Amino acid sequence: MEALFGSKESVKVLDLKNKFYKKLPKLSKILNETMMTNKYFVRKPGETRAIYISIGLAVCVLAGIIGVITESIANGIGLGLCGIIVAVSSAFMVKRTSEGSMIREKILGFQNFLKVTEEDRLKFHNAPEKKPEMFEQFLAYAMVLGVEKQWAEQFKDIYTQPPDWYEGDGRPFTTAYFVSSLGGFDSSTRSAMATRPGGGAGSGSSGFSGGGFSGGGFGGGGGGSW
């Protein structure tokens, strides 16, 4: 939050363009260090990926050399494909600790809780009562985990009038419309954060590739108790 707002109470999205991208590497480093401090991974995810990518590239270079020396395209292509496979597999070589695996399962379970139907929600032990405060409290988490539409659907009939904090464009307040608006804002904000001088967002537009718990990419997690 300090990196985003600094000493200001508010900031315009346009003010983030061509500026905020400089802070992304530092934020990514902090995120990786935090995960290592909490012992979620055996080695920093970025380092693990870099090692396998380097090995893959080295194998590809070696394949080219062998192909030239032996004058055999088949040998070069075969070894080169092995190098490519090693480099591509780097994304799957990040090893979590037992603590990291446990945290991941908890996140998956929470994600599952956010997206299940009301009927299935009753299966959770001590599930909190569905009310507007609950929708607002967990909405940010639902967005991070990529299940905000399902979360909004669960509360589509819960609001009899707009919340006190809501200022809209005159349209009737619905959770679906509100979440859709937030999604557009989220997209434009992320784009502005990653925009560099000279055009467009950089290759690291998210800035946080070191994670292992990326939102939206989970399969169905186990529910368990709340």
C-alpha atoms as a PDB file:
ATOM      1  CA  MET A   1       0.000   0.000   0.000  1.00  0.00           C
ATOM      2  CA  GLU A   2       2.884   2.328   0.736  1.00  0.00           C
ATOM      3  CA  ALA A   3       4.327   1.658  -2.710  1.00  0.00           C
ATOM      4  CA  LEU A   4       0.967   2.477  -4.269  1.00  0.00           C
ATOM      5  CA  PHE A   5      -0.137   5.518  -2.271  1.00  0.00           C
ATOM      6  CA  GLY A   6       3.054   6.818  -0.662  1.00  0.00           C
ATOM      7  CA  SER A   7       2.079   9.696   1.626  1.00  0.00           C
ATOM      8  CA  LYS A   8      -1.136  10.392  -0.315  1.00  0.00           C
ATOM      9  CA  GLU A   9      -4.635   9.334   0.673  1.00  0.00           C
ATOM     10  CA  SER A  10      -5.628   8.730  -2.944  1.00  0.00           C
ATOM     11  CA  VAL A  11      -3.965   8.340  -6.312  1.00  0.00           C
ATOM     12  CA  LYS A  12      -5.234   8.461  -9.897  1.00  0.00           C
ATOM     13  CA  VAL A  13      -4.776   5.419 -12.100  1.00  0.00           C
ATOM     14  CA  LEU A  14      -3.261   7.595 -14.821  1.00  0.00           C
ATOM     15  CA  ASP A  15      -0.577   8.720 -12.372  1.00  0.00           C
ATOM     16  CA  LEU A  16       0.672   5.135 -12.139  1.00  0.00           C
ATOM     17  CA  LYS A  17       1.542   4.925 -15.830  1.00  0.00           C
ATOM     18  CA  ASN A  18       5.240   5.050 -16.712  1.00  0.00           C
ATOM     19  CA  LYS A  19       6.129   5.235 -13.004  1.00  0.00           C
ATOM     20  CA  PHE A  20       4.863   2.334 -10.935  1.00  0.00           C
ATOM     21  CA  TYR A  21       6.561  -0.319 -13.094  1.00  0.00           C
ATOM     22  CA  LYS A  22       9.866   0.642 -11.445  1.00  0.00           C
ATOM     23  CA  LYS A  23       8.552  -0.663  -8.123  1.00  0.00           C
ATOM     24  CA  LEU A  24       7.418  -4.055  -9.424  1.00  0.00           C
ATOM     25  CA  PRO A  25      10.823  -5.817  -9.203  1.00  0.00           C
ATOM     26  CA  LYS A  26      11.231  -4.700  -5.580  1.00  0.00           C
ATOM     27  CA  LEU A  27       7.711  -5.819  -4.692  1.00  0.00           C
ATOM     28  CA  SER A  28       8.340  -9.163  -6.380  1.00  0.00           C
ATOM     29  CA  LYS A  29      11.542  -9.548  -4.376  1.00  0.00           C
ATOM     30  CA  ILE A  30       9.727  -8.761  -1.128  1.00  0.00           C
ATOM     31  CA  LEU A  31       7.040 -11.309  -1.983  1.00  0.00           C
ATOM     32  CA  ASN A  32       9.617 -14.012  -2.673  1.00  0.00           C
ATOM     33  CA  GLU A  33      11.531 -13.216   0.506  1.00  0.00           C
ATOM     34  CA  THR A  34       8.327 -13.335   2.537  1.00  0.00           C
ATOM     35  CA  MET A  35       7.445 -16.760   1.160  1.00  0.00           C
ATOM     36  CA  MET A  36      10.935 -18.020   1.963  1.00  0.00           C
ATOM     37  CA  THR A  37      10.825 -16.522   5.459  1.00  0.00           C
ATOM     38  CA  ASN A  38       7.551 -18.354   6.033  1.00  0.00           C
ATOM     39  CA  LYS A  39       9.200 -21.496   4.638  1.00  0.00           C
ATOM     40  CA  TYR A  40       6.619 -22.104   1.919  1.00  0.00           C
ATOM     41  CA  PHE A  41       9.220 -23.190  -0.661  1.00  0.00           C
ATOM     42  CA  VAL A  42      12.434 -25.201  -0.535  1.00  0.00           C
ATOM     43  CA  ARG A  43      14.128 -22.643  -2.788  1.00  0.00           C
ATOM     44  CA  LYS A  44      13.024 -19.279  -4.149  1.00  0.00           C
ATOM     45  CA  PRO A  45      10.635 -20.028  -7.060  1.00  0.00           C
ATOM     46  CA  GLY A  46      12.415 -17.559  -9.325  1.00  0.00           C
ATOM     47  CA  GLU A  47      15.791 -19.184  -8.653  1.00  0.00           C
ATOM     48  CA  THR A  48      14.433 -22.669  -9.327  1.00  0.00           C
ATOM     49  CA  ARG A  49      12.945 -21.581 -12.653  1.00  0.00           C
ATOM     50  CA  ALA A  50      16.144 -19.757 -13.604  1.00  0.00           C
ATOM     51  CA  ILE A  51      18.232 -22.871 -12.942  1.00  0.00           C
ATOM     52  CA  TYR A  52      16.124 -25.119 -15.165  1.00  0.00           C
ATOM     53  CA  ILE A  53      15.843 -22.504 -17.898  1.00  0.00           C
ATOM     54  CA  SER A  54      19.634 -22.075 -17.857  1.00  0.00           C
ATOM     55  CA  ILE A  55      20.125 -25.828 -18.086  1.00  0.00           C
ATOM     56  CA  GLY A  56      17.659 -26.016 -20.960  1.00  0.00           C
ATOM     57  CA  LEU A  57      19.393 -23.221 -22.854  1.00  0.00           C
ATOM     58  CA  ALA A  58      22.794 -24.822 -22.254  1.00  0.00           C
ATOM     59  CA  VAL A  59      21.514 -28.114 -23.669  1.00  0.00           C
ATOM     60  CA  CYS A  60      20.146 -26.292 -26.729  1.00  0.00           C
ATOM     61  CA  VAL A  61      23.525 -24.628 -27.325  1.00  0.00           C
ATOM     62  CA  LEU A  62      25.253 -27.979 -26.894  1.00  0.00           C
ATOM     63  CA  ALA A  63      22.799 -29.498 -29.357  1.00  0.00           C
ATOM     64  CA  GLY A  64      23.749 -26.906 -31.941  1.00  0.00           C
ATOM     65  CA  ILE A  65      27.454 -27.548 -31.430  1.00  0.00           C
ATOM     66  CA  ILE A  66      27.021 -31.321 -31.679  1.00  0.00           C
ATOM     67  CA  GLY A  67      24.898 -30.921 -34.793  1.00  0.00           C
ATOM     68  CA  VAL A  68      27.630 -28.874 -36.476  1.00  0.00           C
ATOM     69  CA  ILE A  69      30.482 -31.146 -35.395  1.00  0.00           C
ATOM     70  CA  THR A  70      28.772 -34.405 -36.336  1.00  0.00           C
ATOM     71  CA  GLU A  71      27.050 -32.882 -39.356  1.00  0.00           C
ATOM     72  CA  SER A  72      23.910 -34.621 -38.152  1.00  0.00           C
ATOM     73  CA  ILE A  73      20.759 -32.534 -38.011  1.00  0.00           C
ATOM     74  CA  ALA A  74      18.903 -35.383 -36.298  1.00  0.00           C
ATOM     75  CA  ASN A  75      21.315 -35.435 -33.356  1.00  0.00           C
ATOM     76  CA  GLY A  76      21.105 -31.686 -32.952  1.00  0.00           C
ATOM     77  CA  ILE A  77      17.312 -31.595 -33.151  1.00  0.00           C
ATOM     78  CA  GLY A  78      16.895 -34.479 -30.706  1.00  0.00           C
ATOM     79  CA  LEU A  79      19.131 -32.948 -28.069  1.00  0.00           C
ATOM     80  CA  GLY A  80      17.669 -29.505 -28.725  1.00  0.00           C
ATOM     81  CA  LEU A  81      14.167 -30.786 -28.032  1.00  0.00           C
ATOM     82  CA  CYS A  82      15.406 -32.186 -24.726  1.00  0.00           C
ATOM     83  CA  GLY A  83      16.733 -28.746 -23.831  1.00  0.00           C
ATOM     84  CA  ILE A  84      13.424 -27.115 -24.705  1.00  0.00           C
ATOM     85  CA  ILE A  85      11.546 -29.637 -22.563  1.00  0.00           C
ATOM     86  CA  VAL A  86      13.822 -28.928 -19.598  1.00  0.00           C
ATOM     87  CA  ALA A  87      13.337 -25.163 -19.983  1.00  0.00           C
ATOM     88  CA  VAL A  88       9.555 -25.436 -20.307  1.00  0.00           C
ATOM     89  CA  SER A  89       9.334 -27.787 -17.330  1.00  0.00           C
ATOM     90  CA  SER A  90      10.921 -25.107 -15.129  1.00  0.00           C
ATOM     91  CA  ALA A  91       7.438 -23.836 -14.311  1.00  0.00           C
ATOM     92  CA  PHE A  92       6.622 -27.184 -12.690  1.00  0.00           C
ATOM     93  CA  MET A  93       9.862 -27.666 -10.772  1.00  0.00           C
ATOM     94  CA  VAL A  94       9.095 -25.263  -7.940  1.00  0.00           C
ATOM     95  CA  LYS A  95       9.013 -27.419  -4.808  1.00  0.00           C
ATOM     96  CA  ARG A  96       6.864 -26.479  -1.835  1.00  0.00           C
ATOM     97  CA  THR A  97       7.634 -27.410   1.742  1.00  0.00           C
ATOM     98  CA  SER A  98       5.051 -29.243   3.853  1.00  0.00           C
ATOM     99  CA  GLU A  99       4.054 -25.859   5.274  1.00  0.00           C
ATOM    100  CA  GLY A 100       3.689 -24.430   1.773  1.00  0.00           C
ATOM    101  CA  SER A 101       1.564 -27.381   0.668  1.00  0.00           C
ATOM    102  CA  MET A 102      -0.674 -26.975   3.710  1.00  0.00           C
ATOM    103  CA  ILE A 103      -1.155 -23.259   3.010  1.00  0.00           C
ATOM    104  CA  ARG A 104      -1.975 -24.044  -0.621  1.00  0.00           C
ATOM    105  CA  GLU A 105      -4.626 -26.555   0.435  1.00  0.00           C
ATOM    106  CA  LYS A 106      -6.168 -23.993   2.772  1.00  0.00           C
ATOM    107  CA  ILE A 107      -6.294 -21.456  -0.056  1.00  0.00           C
ATOM    108  CA  LEU A 108      -7.872 -24.017  -2.368  1.00  0.00           C
ATOM    109  CA  GLY A 109     -10.436 -24.862   0.290  1.00  0.00           C
ATOM    110  CA  PHE A 110     -11.273 -21.190   0.808  1.00  0.00           C
ATOM    111  CA  GLN A 111     -11.571 -20.693  -2.947  1.00  0.00           C
ATOM    112  CA  ASN A 112     -13.941 -23.630  -3.116  1.00  0.00           C
ATOM    113  CA  PHE A 113     -16.032 -22.153  -0.302  1.00  0.00           C
ATOM    114  CA  LEU A 114     -16.318 -18.859  -2.188  1.00  0.00           C
ATOM    115  CA  LYS A 115     -17.576 -20.416  -5.400  1.00  0.00           C
ATOM    116  CA  VAL A 116     -19.914 -23.193  -4.247  1.00  0.00           C
ATOM    117  CA  THR A 117     -23.691 -22.913  -4.389  1.00  0.00           C
ATOM    118  CA  GLU A 118     -25.803 -22.191  -1.325  1.00  0.00           C
ATOM    119  CA  GLU A 119     -26.845 -25.842  -1.130  1.00  0.00           C
ATOM    120  CA  ASP A 120     -23.234 -27.012  -1.075  1.00  0.00           C
ATOM    121  CA  ARG A 121     -22.261 -24.257   1.353  1.00  0.00           C
ATOM    122  CA  LEU A 122     -24.425 -25.901   4.014  1.00  0.00           C
ATOM    123  CA  LYS A 123     -21.999 -28.822   3.988  1.00  0.00           C
ATOM    124  CA  PHE A 124     -19.273 -26.619   5.475  1.00  0.00           C
ATOM    125  CA  HIS A 125     -18.935 -26.842   9.227  1.00  0.00           C
ATOM    126  CA  ASN A 126     -19.825 -23.595  11.025  1.00  0.00           C
ATOM    127  CA  ALA A 127     -20.156 -21.653   7.767  1.00  0.00           C
ATOM    128  CA  PRO A 128     -20.886 -17.971   8.545  1.00  0.00           C
ATOM    129  CA  GLU A 129     -24.326 -16.540   7.873  1.00  0.00           C
ATOM    130  CA  LYS A 130     -24.786 -15.020   4.427  1.00  0.00           C
ATOM    131  CA  LYS A 131     -25.264 -11.262   4.744  1.00  0.00           C
ATOM    132  CA  PRO A 132     -24.014  -8.053   3.034  1.00  0.00           C
ATOM    133  CA  GLU A 133     -21.082  -7.664   5.435  1.00  0.00           C
ATOM    134  CA  MET A 134     -19.865 -11.114   4.492  1.00  0.00           C
ATOM    135  CA  PHE A 135     -20.020 -10.311   0.768  1.00  0.00           C
ATOM    136  CA  GLU A 136     -17.980  -7.141   1.280  1.00  0.00           C
ATOM    137  CA  GLN A 137     -15.469  -8.780   3.625  1.00  0.00           C
ATOM    138  CA  PHE A 138     -14.492 -11.596   1.272  1.00  0.00           C
ATOM    139  CA  LEU A 139     -14.970  -9.919  -2.117  1.00  0.00           C
ATOM    140  CA  ALA A 140     -11.312  -8.910  -2.436  1.00  0.00           C
ATOM    141  CA  TYR A 141     -10.222 -12.499  -1.789  1.00  0.00           C
ATOM    142  CA  ALA A 142     -12.736 -13.770  -4.339  1.00  0.00           C
ATOM    143  CA  MET A 143     -11.255 -11.429  -6.958  1.00  0.00           C
ATOM    144  CA  VAL A 144      -7.697 -12.545  -6.230  1.00  0.00           C
ATOM    145  CA  LEU A 145      -8.754 -16.183  -6.517  1.00  0.00           C
ATOM    146  CA  GLY A 146     -10.714 -15.587  -9.728  1.00  0.00           C
ATOM    147  CA  VAL A 147     -14.151 -16.551  -8.385  1.00  0.00           C
ATOM    148  CA  GLU A 148     -15.698 -13.106  -7.909  1.00  0.00           C
ATOM    149  CA  LYS A 149     -18.571 -13.811 -10.334  1.00  0.00           C
ATOM    150  CA  GLN A 150     -19.588 -16.939  -8.442  1.00  0.00           C
ATOM    151  CA  TRP A 151     -19.274 -15.051  -5.148  1.00  0.00           C
ATOM    152  CA  ALA A 152     -21.481 -12.240  -6.437  1.00  0.00           C
ATOM    153  CA  GLU A 153     -24.055 -14.761  -7.621  1.00  0.00           C
ATOM    154  CA  GLN A 154     -24.427 -16.066  -4.071  1.00  0.00           C
ATOM    155  CA  PHE A 155     -25.474 -12.591  -2.878  1.00  0.00           C
ATOM    156  CA  LYS A 156     -27.569 -11.407  -5.810  1.00  0.00           C
ATOM    157  CA  ASP A 157     -30.718 -11.117  -3.660  1.00  0.00           C
ATOM    158  CA  ILE A 158     -29.129 -10.068  -0.371  1.00  0.00           C
ATOM    159  CA  TYR A 159     -29.169  -6.274  -0.941  1.00  0.00           C
ATOM    160  CA  THR A 160     -32.534  -4.533  -0.628  1.00  0.00           C
ATOM    161  CA  GLN A 161     -30.842  -1.168  -1.192  1.00  0.00           C
ATOM    162  CA  PRO A 162     -27.351   0.023  -2.193  1.00  0.00           C
ATOM    163  CA  PRO A 163     -24.697   0.057   0.568  1.00  0.00           C
ATOM    164  CA  ASP A 164     -24.056   3.414   2.259  1.00  0.00           C
ATOM    165  CA  TRP A 165     -20.560   3.583   0.791  1.00  0.00           C
ATOM    166  CA  TYR A 166     -21.706   2.951  -2.798  1.00  0.00           C
ATOM    167  CA  GLU A 167     -21.892   5.776  -5.351  1.00  0.00           C
ATOM    168  CA  GLY A 168     -22.934   4.502  -8.752  1.00  0.00           C
ATOM    169  CA  ASP A 169     -23.822   5.886 -12.171  1.00  0.00           C
ATOM    170  CA  GLY A 170     -27.549   5.765 -11.600  1.00  0.00           C
ATOM    171  CA  ARG A 171     -28.041   2.104 -12.433  1.00  0.00           C
ATOM    172  CA  PRO A 172     -29.672  -0.150  -9.825  1.00  0.00           C
ATOM    173  CA  PHE A 173     -27.111  -1.751  -7.523  1.00  0.00           C
ATOM    174  CA  THR A 174     -26.556  -5.455  -8.042  1.00  0.00           C
ATOM    175  CA  THR A 175     -23.648  -7.565  -6.879  1.00  0.00           C
ATOM    176  CA  ALA A 176     -23.067  -8.810 -10.437  1.00  0.00           C
ATOM    177  CA  TYR A 177     -22.841  -5.288 -11.884  1.00  0.00           C
ATOM    178  CA  PHE A 178     -20.648  -4.116  -9.005  1.00  0.00           C
ATOM    179  CA  VAL A 179     -18.224  -7.010  -9.469  1.00  0.00           C
ATOM    180  CA  SER A 180     -18.142  -6.426 -13.227  1.00  0.00           C
ATOM    181  CA  SER A 181     -17.251  -2.770 -12.639  1.00  0.00           C
ATOM    182  CA  LEU A 182     -14.505  -3.755 -10.216  1.00  0.00           C
ATOM    183  CA  GLY A 183     -13.154  -6.194 -12.778  1.00  0.00           C
ATOM    184  CA  GLY A 184     -12.801  -3.422 -15.342  1.00  0.00           C
ATOM    185  CA  PHE A 185     -11.115  -1.187 -12.790  1.00  0.00           C
ATOM    186  CA  ASP A 186      -8.764  -3.995 -11.770  1.00  0.00           C
ATOM    187  CA  SER A 187      -7.758  -4.615 -15.380  1.00  0.00           C
ATOM    188  CA  SER A 188      -7.067  -0.947 -16.137  1.00  0.00           C
ATOM    189  CA  THR A 189      -5.142  -0.518 -12.881  1.00  0.00           C
ATOM    190  CA  ARG A 190      -2.886  -3.504 -13.504  1.00  0.00           C
ATOM    191  CA  SER A 191      -2.238  -2.269 -17.027  1.00  0.00           C
ATOM    192  CA  ALA A 192      -1.330   1.193 -15.741  1.00  0.00           C
ATOM    193  CA  MET A 193       0.986  -0.260 -13.098  1.00  0.00           C
ATOM    194  CA  ALA A 194       2.970  -2.190 -15.698  1.00  0.00           C
ATOM    195  CA  THR A 195       3.039   0.467 -18.441  1.00  0.00           C
ATOM    196  CA  ARG A 196       6.532   1.651 -19.339  1.00  0.00           C
ATOM    197  CA  PRO A 197       7.641   4.737 -21.263  1.00  0.00           C
ATOM    198  CA  GLY A 198       7.747   4.011 -24.965  1.00  0.00           C
ATOM    199  CA  GLY A 199       4.597   1.954 -25.110  1.00  0.00           C
ATOM    200  CA  GLY A 200       2.768  -0.887 -23.507  1.00  0.00           C
ATOM    201  CA  ALA A 201       3.296  -3.034 -20.490  1.00  0.00           C
ATOM    202  CA  GLY A 202       6.539  -4.839 -19.891  1.00  0.00           C
ATOM    203  CA  SER A 203       6.938  -8.576 -20.050  1.00  0.00           C
ATOM    204  CA  GLY A 204       6.506  -8.800 -16.312  1.00  0.00           C
ATOM    205  CA  SER A 205       3.184  -7.033 -16.209  1.00  0.00           C
ATOM    206  CA  SER A 206       2.028  -8.827 -13.109  1.00  0.00           C
ATOM    207  CA  GLY A 207       5.314  -8.241 -11.350  1.00  0.00           C
ATOM    208  CA  PHE A 208       4.782 -11.205  -9.036  1.00  0.00           C
ATOM    209  CA  SER A 209       5.783 -14.266 -10.995  1.00  0.00           C
ATOM    210  CA  GLY A 210       7.533 -15.801  -8.041  1.00  0.00           C
ATOM    211  CA  GLY A 211       4.359 -16.980  -6.360  1.00  0.00           C
ATOM    212  CA  GLY A 212       3.029 -20.466  -6.299  1.00  0.00           C
ATOM    213  CA  PHE A 213      -0.512 -19.661  -5.358  1.00  0.00           C
ATOM    214  CA  SER A 214      -1.630 -17.639  -8.351  1.00  0.00           C
ATOM    215  CA  GLY A 215      -5.310 -16.764  -8.302  1.00  0.00           C
ATOM    216  CA  GLY A 216      -7.733 -18.207 -10.793  1.00  0.00           C
ATOM    217  CA  GLY A 217      -5.567 -21.129 -11.748  1.00  0.00           C
ATOM    218  CA  PHE A 218      -6.662 -23.589  -9.083  1.00  0.00           C
ATOM    219  CA  GLY A 219      -8.649 -26.670  -9.695  1.00  0.00           C
ATOM    220  CA  GLY A 220     -11.368 -27.695  -7.297  1.00  0.00           C
ATOM    221  CA  GLY A 221      -9.967 -27.674  -3.788  1.00  0.00           C
ATOM    222  CA  GLY A 222     -11.205 -29.642  -0.848  1.00  0.00           C
ATOM    223  CA  GLY A 223     -13.740 -27.979   1.386  1.00  0.00           C
ATOM    224  CA  GLY A 224     -13.224 -29.161   4.908  1.00  0.00           C
ATOM    225  CA  SER A 225     -14.339 -27.232   7.927  1.00  0.00           C
ATOM    226  CA  TRP A 226     -14.632 -23.469   7.955  1.00  0.00           C
END
